[in-house]
N, C-alpha and C. Protein backbone atom coordinates (compact mmCIF):
# COMPACT_ATOMS: atom_id res chain seq x y z
N MET A 1 -10.35 -7.61 -15.16
CA MET A 1 -11.38 -8.15 -14.36
C MET A 1 -12.18 -9.07 -15.23
N LEU A 2 -12.61 -10.21 -14.65
CA LEU A 2 -13.34 -11.22 -15.42
C LEU A 2 -14.75 -10.80 -15.68
N ASN A 3 -15.28 -11.08 -16.92
CA ASN A 3 -16.70 -10.91 -17.08
C ASN A 3 -17.41 -12.18 -16.78
N ASP A 4 -18.76 -12.12 -16.75
CA ASP A 4 -19.46 -13.30 -16.39
C ASP A 4 -19.29 -14.50 -17.24
N LYS A 5 -19.07 -14.21 -18.54
CA LYS A 5 -18.83 -15.31 -19.47
C LYS A 5 -17.52 -16.01 -19.20
N GLN A 6 -16.48 -15.22 -18.93
CA GLN A 6 -15.17 -15.85 -18.62
C GLN A 6 -15.25 -16.65 -17.32
N ALA A 7 -15.88 -16.02 -16.34
CA ALA A 7 -15.95 -16.69 -15.00
C ALA A 7 -16.69 -18.00 -15.09
N LYS A 8 -17.77 -18.02 -15.87
CA LYS A 8 -18.53 -19.28 -16.14
C LYS A 8 -17.66 -20.28 -16.85
N TRP A 9 -16.97 -19.87 -17.83
CA TRP A 9 -16.16 -20.81 -18.55
C TRP A 9 -15.02 -21.42 -17.73
N LEU A 10 -14.40 -20.55 -16.86
CA LEU A 10 -13.33 -21.04 -15.97
C LEU A 10 -13.91 -22.00 -15.00
N ALA A 11 -15.12 -21.71 -14.41
CA ALA A 11 -15.69 -22.55 -13.41
C ALA A 11 -16.17 -23.94 -14.02
N GLU A 12 -16.55 -23.90 -15.27
CA GLU A 12 -17.04 -25.12 -15.85
C GLU A 12 -16.04 -25.96 -16.52
N ASN A 13 -14.99 -25.37 -17.09
CA ASN A 13 -13.97 -26.06 -17.87
C ASN A 13 -12.68 -26.20 -17.28
N ILE A 14 -12.35 -25.31 -16.27
CA ILE A 14 -10.93 -25.40 -15.71
C ILE A 14 -11.03 -25.95 -14.28
N LEU A 15 -11.87 -25.34 -13.45
CA LEU A 15 -11.99 -25.69 -12.05
C LEU A 15 -12.05 -27.19 -11.77
N PRO A 16 -12.87 -27.90 -12.59
CA PRO A 16 -13.05 -29.35 -12.31
C PRO A 16 -11.58 -30.05 -12.43
N HIS A 17 -10.64 -29.55 -13.11
CA HIS A 17 -9.35 -30.22 -13.38
C HIS A 17 -8.27 -29.68 -12.41
N GLU A 18 -8.58 -28.71 -11.60
CA GLU A 18 -7.54 -28.13 -10.70
C GLU A 18 -6.99 -29.22 -9.72
N GLY A 19 -7.83 -30.06 -9.22
CA GLY A 19 -7.35 -31.11 -8.29
C GLY A 19 -6.34 -32.09 -8.97
N ASP A 20 -6.62 -32.41 -10.24
CA ASP A 20 -5.64 -33.29 -11.04
C ASP A 20 -4.22 -32.52 -11.24
N VAL A 21 -4.28 -31.22 -11.45
CA VAL A 21 -3.02 -30.48 -11.51
C VAL A 21 -2.36 -30.46 -10.20
N ARG A 22 -3.08 -30.22 -9.21
CA ARG A 22 -2.48 -30.11 -7.82
C ARG A 22 -1.85 -31.46 -7.44
N ARG A 23 -2.55 -32.61 -7.81
CA ARG A 23 -1.96 -33.93 -7.57
C ARG A 23 -0.64 -34.12 -8.24
N TRP A 24 -0.58 -33.65 -9.60
CA TRP A 24 0.55 -33.75 -10.38
C TRP A 24 1.70 -32.83 -9.85
N LEU A 25 1.37 -31.73 -9.38
CA LEU A 25 2.31 -30.79 -8.95
C LEU A 25 2.91 -31.26 -7.42
N SER A 26 2.21 -32.04 -6.78
CA SER A 26 2.62 -32.47 -5.36
C SER A 26 3.85 -33.34 -5.52
N LYS A 27 4.15 -33.95 -6.58
CA LYS A 27 5.34 -34.79 -6.50
C LYS A 27 6.62 -33.93 -6.68
N TYR A 28 6.52 -32.69 -7.00
CA TYR A 28 7.63 -31.78 -7.03
C TYR A 28 7.73 -31.09 -5.65
N THR A 29 8.63 -31.66 -4.89
CA THR A 29 8.65 -31.09 -3.49
C THR A 29 9.36 -29.81 -3.33
N ASP A 30 10.04 -29.39 -4.34
CA ASP A 30 10.82 -28.19 -4.28
C ASP A 30 10.05 -27.01 -5.04
N ILE A 31 8.82 -27.10 -5.26
CA ILE A 31 8.04 -26.00 -5.74
C ILE A 31 6.75 -25.91 -4.88
N ASP A 32 6.18 -24.74 -4.88
CA ASP A 32 4.92 -24.44 -4.19
C ASP A 32 3.80 -24.58 -5.18
N ALA A 33 2.98 -25.60 -5.01
CA ALA A 33 1.89 -25.91 -5.87
C ALA A 33 0.91 -24.72 -5.96
N ASP A 34 0.65 -24.10 -4.76
CA ASP A 34 -0.26 -22.99 -4.81
C ASP A 34 0.16 -21.78 -5.66
N ASP A 35 1.53 -21.52 -5.57
CA ASP A 35 2.08 -20.48 -6.39
C ASP A 35 1.96 -20.75 -7.88
N ILE A 36 2.21 -22.02 -8.23
CA ILE A 36 2.18 -22.51 -9.64
C ILE A 36 0.61 -22.31 -10.16
N LEU A 37 -0.25 -22.79 -9.25
CA LEU A 37 -1.67 -22.73 -9.68
C LEU A 37 -2.20 -21.24 -9.71
N GLN A 38 -1.67 -20.42 -8.90
CA GLN A 38 -2.09 -19.01 -8.97
C GLN A 38 -1.62 -18.34 -10.23
N GLU A 39 -0.35 -18.62 -10.62
CA GLU A 39 0.19 -18.02 -11.84
C GLU A 39 -0.62 -18.66 -13.05
N THR A 40 -1.03 -19.87 -12.91
CA THR A 40 -1.81 -20.56 -14.05
C THR A 40 -3.15 -19.87 -14.09
N TRP A 41 -3.76 -19.57 -13.04
CA TRP A 41 -5.10 -18.87 -13.09
C TRP A 41 -4.99 -17.47 -13.64
N VAL A 42 -3.93 -16.77 -13.27
CA VAL A 42 -3.70 -15.43 -13.84
C VAL A 42 -3.66 -15.47 -15.39
N ILE A 43 -2.96 -16.48 -15.87
CA ILE A 43 -2.83 -16.61 -17.35
C ILE A 43 -4.16 -17.08 -17.89
N LEU A 44 -4.82 -17.88 -17.31
CA LEU A 44 -6.15 -18.37 -17.83
C LEU A 44 -7.18 -17.33 -17.80
N ALA A 45 -7.11 -16.47 -16.84
CA ALA A 45 -8.08 -15.28 -16.79
C ALA A 45 -8.01 -14.38 -18.03
N LYS A 46 -6.95 -14.39 -18.69
CA LYS A 46 -6.73 -13.51 -19.83
C LYS A 46 -7.11 -14.30 -21.21
N VAL A 47 -7.45 -15.55 -21.05
CA VAL A 47 -7.77 -16.36 -22.22
C VAL A 47 -9.28 -15.98 -22.77
N ILE A 48 -9.43 -16.04 -24.05
CA ILE A 48 -10.66 -15.79 -24.72
C ILE A 48 -11.24 -17.23 -24.78
N PRO A 49 -12.32 -17.52 -24.13
CA PRO A 49 -12.92 -18.88 -24.03
C PRO A 49 -13.20 -19.53 -25.42
N GLU A 50 -13.75 -18.72 -26.34
CA GLU A 50 -14.09 -19.31 -27.73
C GLU A 50 -12.87 -19.81 -28.45
N THR A 51 -11.69 -19.39 -28.04
CA THR A 51 -10.52 -19.77 -28.88
C THR A 51 -9.94 -21.10 -28.24
N ILE A 52 -10.45 -21.60 -27.23
CA ILE A 52 -9.94 -22.83 -26.53
C ILE A 52 -10.71 -24.04 -26.88
N GLN A 53 -10.03 -25.05 -27.54
CA GLN A 53 -10.70 -26.27 -27.90
C GLN A 53 -10.54 -27.31 -26.80
N PHE A 54 -9.40 -27.36 -26.06
CA PHE A 54 -9.16 -28.36 -25.11
C PHE A 54 -8.74 -27.72 -23.78
N PRO A 55 -9.65 -27.30 -22.90
CA PRO A 55 -9.30 -26.50 -21.74
C PRO A 55 -8.39 -27.31 -20.76
N ARG A 56 -8.65 -28.58 -20.58
CA ARG A 56 -7.85 -29.41 -19.65
C ARG A 56 -6.43 -29.39 -20.11
N ARG A 57 -6.23 -29.55 -21.39
CA ARG A 57 -4.89 -29.58 -21.92
C ARG A 57 -4.18 -28.25 -21.73
N LEU A 58 -4.91 -27.25 -21.93
CA LEU A 58 -4.36 -25.86 -21.80
C LEU A 58 -3.94 -25.75 -20.33
N LEU A 59 -4.80 -26.09 -19.42
CA LEU A 59 -4.49 -25.94 -17.99
C LEU A 59 -3.10 -26.72 -17.59
N PHE A 60 -3.04 -27.89 -18.04
CA PHE A 60 -1.77 -28.64 -17.76
C PHE A 60 -0.54 -28.01 -18.42
N THR A 61 -0.79 -27.60 -19.68
CA THR A 61 0.37 -27.09 -20.40
C THR A 61 0.88 -25.78 -19.70
N ILE A 62 0.00 -24.94 -19.32
CA ILE A 62 0.36 -23.71 -18.69
C ILE A 62 1.04 -24.02 -17.35
N ALA A 63 0.50 -24.91 -16.54
CA ALA A 63 1.14 -25.24 -15.25
C ALA A 63 2.49 -25.90 -15.50
N ARG A 64 2.64 -26.75 -16.55
CA ARG A 64 3.94 -27.36 -16.79
C ARG A 64 5.01 -26.28 -17.14
N ASN A 65 4.61 -25.36 -18.10
CA ASN A 65 5.43 -24.28 -18.51
C ASN A 65 5.84 -23.44 -17.41
N ILE A 66 4.98 -23.12 -16.44
CA ILE A 66 5.38 -22.32 -15.24
C ILE A 66 6.39 -23.12 -14.39
N VAL A 67 6.23 -24.44 -14.23
CA VAL A 67 7.11 -25.21 -13.50
C VAL A 67 8.50 -25.19 -14.19
N LEU A 68 8.50 -25.35 -15.42
CA LEU A 68 9.84 -25.29 -16.24
C LEU A 68 10.47 -23.98 -16.05
N GLN A 69 9.68 -22.78 -16.15
CA GLN A 69 10.27 -21.53 -15.90
C GLN A 69 10.86 -21.39 -14.51
N HIS A 70 10.11 -21.95 -13.51
CA HIS A 70 10.67 -21.96 -12.13
C HIS A 70 12.03 -22.61 -11.99
N TYR A 71 12.23 -23.75 -12.63
CA TYR A 71 13.41 -24.50 -12.55
C TYR A 71 14.49 -23.77 -13.40
N ARG A 72 14.11 -23.12 -14.51
CA ARG A 72 15.14 -22.36 -15.24
C ARG A 72 15.69 -21.20 -14.40
N ARG A 73 14.82 -20.50 -13.73
CA ARG A 73 15.17 -19.33 -12.95
C ARG A 73 15.82 -19.65 -11.58
N ALA A 74 15.70 -20.85 -11.14
CA ALA A 74 16.20 -21.32 -9.83
C ALA A 74 17.71 -21.25 -9.82
N GLN A 75 18.31 -20.83 -8.69
CA GLN A 75 19.72 -20.84 -8.65
C GLN A 75 20.25 -22.22 -8.61
N ILE A 76 19.46 -23.16 -8.03
CA ILE A 76 19.83 -24.54 -7.82
C ILE A 76 18.87 -25.30 -8.78
N VAL A 77 19.36 -25.84 -9.82
CA VAL A 77 18.53 -26.47 -10.83
C VAL A 77 18.46 -27.94 -10.51
N SER A 78 17.26 -28.46 -10.44
CA SER A 78 17.07 -29.92 -10.07
C SER A 78 16.85 -30.59 -11.46
N PHE A 79 17.90 -31.21 -11.94
CA PHE A 79 17.84 -31.87 -13.25
C PHE A 79 16.94 -33.07 -13.16
N SER A 80 16.89 -33.76 -11.98
CA SER A 80 15.99 -34.88 -11.97
C SER A 80 14.52 -34.38 -12.01
N SER A 81 14.30 -33.19 -11.48
CA SER A 81 12.82 -32.66 -11.58
C SER A 81 12.56 -32.31 -13.04
N LEU A 82 13.59 -31.69 -13.74
CA LEU A 82 13.36 -31.41 -15.17
C LEU A 82 13.08 -32.77 -16.02
N ALA A 83 13.88 -33.78 -15.66
CA ALA A 83 13.68 -35.06 -16.30
C ALA A 83 12.26 -35.65 -15.94
N ASP A 84 11.90 -35.48 -14.68
CA ASP A 84 10.63 -36.07 -14.30
C ASP A 84 9.49 -35.33 -15.15
N ILE A 85 9.65 -34.01 -15.32
CA ILE A 85 8.61 -33.34 -16.14
C ILE A 85 8.48 -33.85 -17.52
N SER A 86 9.72 -34.07 -18.13
CA SER A 86 9.69 -34.44 -19.50
C SER A 86 9.23 -35.80 -19.61
N GLU A 87 9.51 -36.69 -18.65
CA GLU A 87 9.19 -38.15 -18.66
C GLU A 87 7.78 -38.36 -18.27
N ASP A 88 7.10 -37.38 -17.60
CA ASP A 88 5.77 -37.55 -16.97
C ASP A 88 4.72 -37.59 -18.06
N HIS A 89 4.24 -38.80 -18.39
CA HIS A 89 3.20 -38.97 -19.42
C HIS A 89 1.83 -38.88 -18.84
N SER A 90 1.72 -38.72 -17.49
CA SER A 90 0.45 -38.62 -16.77
C SER A 90 -0.15 -37.28 -16.81
N VAL A 91 0.65 -36.33 -17.08
CA VAL A 91 0.20 -34.91 -17.04
C VAL A 91 -1.14 -34.71 -17.81
N ASP A 92 -1.12 -35.08 -19.13
CA ASP A 92 -2.36 -35.02 -19.86
C ASP A 92 -2.22 -36.07 -20.96
N LYS A 93 -2.99 -37.04 -20.91
CA LYS A 93 -2.95 -38.15 -21.95
C LYS A 93 -3.21 -37.67 -23.29
N GLY A 94 -3.84 -36.49 -23.44
CA GLY A 94 -4.23 -36.03 -24.76
C GLY A 94 -3.21 -35.02 -25.28
N ALA A 95 -1.93 -34.90 -24.75
CA ALA A 95 -1.00 -34.00 -25.18
C ALA A 95 -0.72 -34.10 -26.68
N ASP A 96 -0.69 -33.12 -27.36
CA ASP A 96 -0.57 -33.12 -28.85
C ASP A 96 0.94 -33.33 -29.14
N PRO A 97 1.19 -33.68 -30.39
CA PRO A 97 2.61 -33.97 -30.78
C PRO A 97 3.54 -32.76 -30.68
N GLU A 98 2.90 -31.54 -30.88
CA GLU A 98 3.79 -30.36 -30.78
C GLU A 98 4.26 -30.17 -29.44
N GLN A 99 3.43 -30.49 -28.39
CA GLN A 99 3.92 -30.34 -26.99
C GLN A 99 4.95 -31.35 -26.67
N SER A 100 4.81 -32.60 -27.12
CA SER A 100 5.85 -33.58 -26.89
C SER A 100 7.19 -33.17 -27.59
N VAL A 101 7.06 -32.70 -28.75
CA VAL A 101 8.29 -32.23 -29.49
C VAL A 101 8.97 -31.16 -28.69
N GLY A 102 8.14 -30.23 -28.19
CA GLY A 102 8.68 -29.07 -27.43
C GLY A 102 9.42 -29.58 -26.19
N ALA A 103 8.87 -30.55 -25.50
CA ALA A 103 9.47 -31.01 -24.21
C ALA A 103 10.80 -31.80 -24.60
N ARG A 104 10.80 -32.51 -25.68
CA ARG A 104 12.02 -33.18 -26.12
C ARG A 104 13.12 -32.20 -26.55
N LYS A 105 12.70 -31.10 -27.26
CA LYS A 105 13.64 -30.07 -27.55
C LYS A 105 14.19 -29.42 -26.39
N GLU A 106 13.38 -29.18 -25.42
CA GLU A 106 13.90 -28.60 -24.13
C GLU A 106 15.04 -29.43 -23.50
N LEU A 107 14.75 -30.68 -23.43
CA LEU A 107 15.76 -31.62 -22.86
C LEU A 107 16.97 -31.73 -23.74
N GLU A 108 16.79 -31.87 -25.01
CA GLU A 108 17.88 -31.82 -25.96
C GLU A 108 18.78 -30.53 -25.83
N PHE A 109 18.06 -29.51 -25.75
CA PHE A 109 18.84 -28.16 -25.51
C PHE A 109 19.64 -28.26 -24.28
N LEU A 110 19.02 -28.66 -23.16
CA LEU A 110 19.79 -28.68 -21.86
C LEU A 110 20.88 -29.70 -21.94
N ASN A 111 20.78 -30.80 -22.53
CA ASN A 111 21.76 -31.79 -22.75
C ASN A 111 22.91 -31.20 -23.60
N HIS A 112 22.52 -30.65 -24.66
CA HIS A 112 23.50 -29.93 -25.62
C HIS A 112 24.41 -28.85 -24.77
N VAL A 113 23.65 -28.00 -24.03
CA VAL A 113 24.41 -26.98 -23.36
C VAL A 113 25.34 -27.61 -22.29
N ILE A 114 24.89 -28.63 -21.61
CA ILE A 114 25.79 -29.26 -20.63
C ILE A 114 27.00 -29.95 -21.31
N SER A 115 26.68 -30.60 -22.40
CA SER A 115 27.77 -31.36 -23.05
C SER A 115 28.81 -30.40 -23.70
N ASN A 116 28.36 -29.17 -23.90
CA ASN A 116 29.29 -28.20 -24.63
C ASN A 116 29.96 -27.25 -23.53
N LEU A 117 29.79 -27.49 -22.33
CA LEU A 117 30.52 -26.72 -21.29
C LEU A 117 31.96 -27.11 -21.44
N PRO A 118 32.91 -26.21 -21.00
CA PRO A 118 34.30 -26.58 -21.09
C PRO A 118 34.49 -27.87 -20.25
N PRO A 119 35.46 -28.73 -20.62
CA PRO A 119 35.50 -30.13 -20.10
C PRO A 119 35.64 -30.06 -18.52
N ARG A 120 36.52 -29.30 -17.86
CA ARG A 120 36.67 -29.41 -16.37
C ARG A 120 35.38 -28.73 -15.81
N CYS A 121 34.86 -27.80 -16.38
CA CYS A 121 33.50 -27.21 -15.87
C CYS A 121 32.45 -28.26 -15.92
N ARG A 122 32.28 -28.90 -17.09
CA ARG A 122 31.25 -30.00 -17.23
C ARG A 122 31.43 -31.09 -16.27
N THR A 123 32.66 -31.54 -16.04
CA THR A 123 32.97 -32.63 -15.16
C THR A 123 32.50 -32.30 -13.75
N ILE A 124 32.89 -31.15 -13.23
CA ILE A 124 32.64 -30.66 -11.96
C ILE A 124 31.14 -30.47 -11.78
N PHE A 125 30.48 -29.81 -12.79
CA PHE A 125 29.13 -29.56 -12.72
C PHE A 125 28.28 -30.82 -12.65
N THR A 126 28.70 -31.82 -13.42
CA THR A 126 27.96 -33.03 -13.58
C THR A 126 28.11 -33.80 -12.15
N LEU A 127 29.26 -33.88 -11.62
CA LEU A 127 29.43 -34.47 -10.33
C LEU A 127 28.68 -33.85 -9.24
N HIS A 128 28.73 -32.55 -9.26
CA HIS A 128 27.99 -31.78 -8.23
C HIS A 128 26.47 -31.77 -8.38
N ARG A 129 26.01 -31.27 -9.56
CA ARG A 129 24.56 -31.09 -9.67
C ARG A 129 23.85 -32.39 -10.05
N ILE A 130 24.37 -33.24 -10.84
CA ILE A 130 23.64 -34.38 -11.33
C ILE A 130 23.86 -35.60 -10.41
N TYR A 131 25.16 -35.85 -9.91
CA TYR A 131 25.36 -36.98 -9.07
C TYR A 131 25.28 -36.61 -7.63
N GLY A 132 25.17 -35.34 -7.27
CA GLY A 132 24.98 -34.90 -5.85
C GLY A 132 26.24 -34.88 -4.98
N TYR A 133 27.39 -34.81 -5.51
CA TYR A 133 28.62 -34.77 -4.80
C TYR A 133 28.70 -33.33 -4.16
N SER A 134 29.18 -33.22 -3.00
CA SER A 134 29.41 -31.91 -2.30
C SER A 134 30.70 -31.26 -2.99
N HIS A 135 30.84 -29.92 -2.76
CA HIS A 135 32.11 -29.29 -3.33
C HIS A 135 33.34 -29.93 -2.79
N LYS A 136 33.30 -30.37 -1.52
CA LYS A 136 34.48 -31.02 -0.84
C LYS A 136 34.68 -32.36 -1.55
N GLU A 137 33.65 -33.15 -1.80
CA GLU A 137 33.80 -34.46 -2.36
C GLU A 137 34.32 -34.37 -3.81
N CYS A 138 33.80 -33.34 -4.59
CA CYS A 138 34.32 -33.11 -5.94
C CYS A 138 35.76 -32.78 -5.95
N ALA A 139 36.11 -31.85 -5.03
CA ALA A 139 37.49 -31.43 -4.92
C ALA A 139 38.42 -32.60 -4.57
N GLN A 140 38.07 -33.42 -3.65
CA GLN A 140 38.84 -34.56 -3.36
C GLN A 140 38.96 -35.54 -4.49
N ARG A 141 37.87 -35.85 -5.10
CA ARG A 141 37.75 -36.78 -6.24
C ARG A 141 38.62 -36.32 -7.44
N LEU A 142 38.63 -34.99 -7.64
CA LEU A 142 39.40 -34.43 -8.82
C LEU A 142 40.70 -33.75 -8.38
N ASN A 143 41.05 -33.92 -7.19
CA ASN A 143 42.34 -33.38 -6.69
C ASN A 143 42.44 -31.78 -7.06
N LEU A 144 41.31 -31.13 -6.67
CA LEU A 144 41.29 -29.64 -6.89
C LEU A 144 40.96 -29.03 -5.56
N SER A 145 40.95 -27.68 -5.47
CA SER A 145 40.62 -27.02 -4.23
C SER A 145 39.03 -26.83 -4.27
N GLU A 146 38.46 -26.61 -3.16
CA GLU A 146 37.06 -26.41 -3.06
C GLU A 146 36.64 -25.06 -3.73
N THR A 147 37.61 -24.10 -3.65
CA THR A 147 37.34 -22.81 -4.32
C THR A 147 37.21 -22.98 -5.79
N VAL A 148 38.14 -23.85 -6.43
CA VAL A 148 38.00 -24.12 -7.88
C VAL A 148 36.67 -24.77 -8.22
N VAL A 149 36.31 -25.69 -7.33
CA VAL A 149 35.05 -26.46 -7.65
C VAL A 149 33.86 -25.45 -7.56
N ALA A 150 33.80 -24.59 -6.54
CA ALA A 150 32.78 -23.61 -6.41
C ALA A 150 32.70 -22.66 -7.63
N LYS A 151 33.81 -22.26 -7.98
CA LYS A 151 33.96 -21.27 -9.25
C LYS A 151 33.45 -22.02 -10.49
N GLN A 152 33.85 -23.23 -10.66
CA GLN A 152 33.40 -23.90 -11.89
C GLN A 152 31.92 -24.23 -11.91
N VAL A 153 31.42 -24.53 -10.74
CA VAL A 153 29.89 -24.71 -10.64
C VAL A 153 29.20 -23.41 -10.99
N ALA A 154 29.68 -22.35 -10.43
CA ALA A 154 29.07 -20.97 -10.71
C ALA A 154 29.22 -20.72 -12.16
N ARG A 155 30.36 -20.95 -12.75
CA ARG A 155 30.66 -20.72 -14.12
C ARG A 155 29.63 -21.51 -15.00
N ALA A 156 29.45 -22.81 -14.63
CA ALA A 156 28.54 -23.69 -15.40
C ALA A 156 27.12 -23.09 -15.33
N LEU A 157 26.67 -22.73 -14.12
CA LEU A 157 25.34 -22.17 -14.02
C LEU A 157 25.21 -20.89 -14.81
N ARG A 158 26.21 -20.06 -14.81
CA ARG A 158 26.12 -18.87 -15.57
C ARG A 158 26.12 -19.16 -17.04
N LEU A 159 26.85 -20.07 -17.55
CA LEU A 159 26.81 -20.47 -18.99
C LEU A 159 25.52 -21.07 -19.32
N ILE A 160 24.96 -21.88 -18.55
CA ILE A 160 23.66 -22.48 -18.84
C ILE A 160 22.55 -21.38 -18.81
N GLY A 161 22.63 -20.49 -17.88
CA GLY A 161 21.74 -19.36 -17.87
C GLY A 161 21.81 -18.48 -19.10
N ASP A 162 23.10 -18.16 -19.47
CA ASP A 162 23.32 -17.43 -20.62
C ASP A 162 22.68 -18.13 -21.90
N ALA A 163 22.86 -19.43 -21.97
CA ALA A 163 22.32 -20.15 -23.07
C ALA A 163 20.80 -20.08 -23.17
N TYR A 164 20.20 -20.23 -22.03
CA TYR A 164 18.75 -20.06 -21.91
C TYR A 164 18.29 -18.60 -22.33
N GLY A 165 19.08 -17.64 -21.78
CA GLY A 165 18.71 -16.28 -22.17
C GLY A 165 18.82 -16.03 -23.69
N HIS A 166 19.89 -16.57 -24.29
CA HIS A 166 20.06 -16.43 -25.75
C HIS A 166 18.91 -17.18 -26.41
N GLN A 167 18.47 -18.34 -26.01
CA GLN A 167 17.44 -19.09 -26.65
C GLN A 167 16.15 -18.34 -26.60
N GLU A 168 15.85 -17.67 -25.43
CA GLU A 168 14.66 -16.97 -25.27
C GLU A 168 14.62 -15.74 -26.16
N ARG A 169 15.77 -15.08 -26.30
CA ARG A 169 15.88 -13.88 -27.17
C ARG A 169 15.67 -14.23 -28.59
N GLN A 170 16.06 -15.44 -28.94
CA GLN A 170 15.98 -15.87 -30.43
C GLN A 170 14.62 -16.37 -30.70
N HIS A 171 13.69 -16.59 -29.71
CA HIS A 171 12.36 -17.28 -29.92
C HIS A 171 12.42 -18.50 -30.57
N ASP A 172 13.46 -19.28 -30.47
CA ASP A 172 13.50 -20.59 -31.04
C ASP A 172 14.67 -21.28 -30.45
N ILE A 173 14.82 -22.59 -30.70
CA ILE A 173 16.05 -23.23 -30.14
C ILE A 173 17.15 -23.07 -31.19
N GLY A 174 18.05 -22.05 -30.89
CA GLY A 174 19.14 -21.72 -31.69
C GLY A 174 20.42 -22.18 -31.11
N TYR A 175 20.41 -23.23 -30.35
CA TYR A 175 21.54 -23.67 -29.54
C TYR A 175 22.76 -24.13 -30.39
N ARG A 176 22.52 -24.54 -31.58
CA ARG A 176 23.61 -25.10 -32.45
C ARG A 176 24.60 -23.98 -32.70
N SER A 177 24.14 -22.74 -32.69
CA SER A 177 25.05 -21.63 -33.05
C SER A 177 25.55 -20.81 -31.82
N PHE A 178 25.13 -21.32 -30.64
CA PHE A 178 25.49 -20.52 -29.44
C PHE A 178 26.79 -20.99 -28.88
N PRO A 179 27.78 -20.18 -28.88
CA PRO A 179 29.10 -20.55 -28.33
C PRO A 179 29.12 -20.60 -26.80
N LEU A 180 29.79 -21.56 -26.26
CA LEU A 180 29.90 -21.56 -24.82
C LEU A 180 31.45 -21.28 -24.41
N GLY A 181 31.63 -20.72 -23.35
CA GLY A 181 32.98 -20.40 -22.86
C GLY A 181 33.63 -19.24 -23.69
N ARG A 182 34.97 -19.25 -23.81
CA ARG A 182 35.68 -18.17 -24.43
C ARG A 182 35.68 -18.44 -25.93
N SER A 183 35.56 -17.42 -26.72
CA SER A 183 35.73 -17.57 -28.19
C SER A 183 37.15 -17.49 -28.61
N HIS A 184 37.60 -18.33 -29.45
CA HIS A 184 38.91 -18.29 -29.84
C HIS A 184 38.92 -17.94 -31.48
N LYS A 185 39.47 -16.78 -31.70
CA LYS A 185 39.50 -16.47 -33.13
C LYS A 185 40.84 -16.87 -33.72
N ASN A 186 40.69 -17.34 -35.00
CA ASN A 186 41.98 -17.72 -35.69
C ASN A 186 42.73 -16.46 -36.04
N LYS A 187 44.05 -16.60 -35.72
CA LYS A 187 44.83 -15.44 -36.11
C LYS A 187 45.42 -15.65 -37.50
N ALA A 188 45.15 -14.69 -38.37
CA ALA A 188 45.67 -14.76 -39.68
C ALA A 188 46.98 -14.18 -39.89
């Protein structure tokens, strides 16, 4: 429960910027801005006001991170939305360099994971998820069955999810050492 000091701080330092966050969130049609804002407020309610130097920046950073978590957990990942988030410089003009580096690392990680998918899996995933081809169109284009296409898309999503899970467990971006696909051990 909020004490009077926290409530006053939230009302004076966060509430005036909620409209700006809501406007920023409105460009992402596949998320519910109200849900994102509610999660943001829950996190902000736990903040110790004296420790916050830039409340507006904190508000945008928390909302942005929740949006990224939403896309990571989604069964259907909108890469254009992830790219929009990373390229959106209007979120907070005062973003510090550490946040910018973090966003770049996130995109580098995703790019690395996709580029290290098995070749057929990567090709099908890219055609389907990035270029928007249907399973049927991918199958026709690659002379494969729709079942193979569906399985490869599912495999790619599983491998990407596994990579993110591994990254979160390591508490850093340890993608350089994360193997994708089957491991092949040298027989001696």
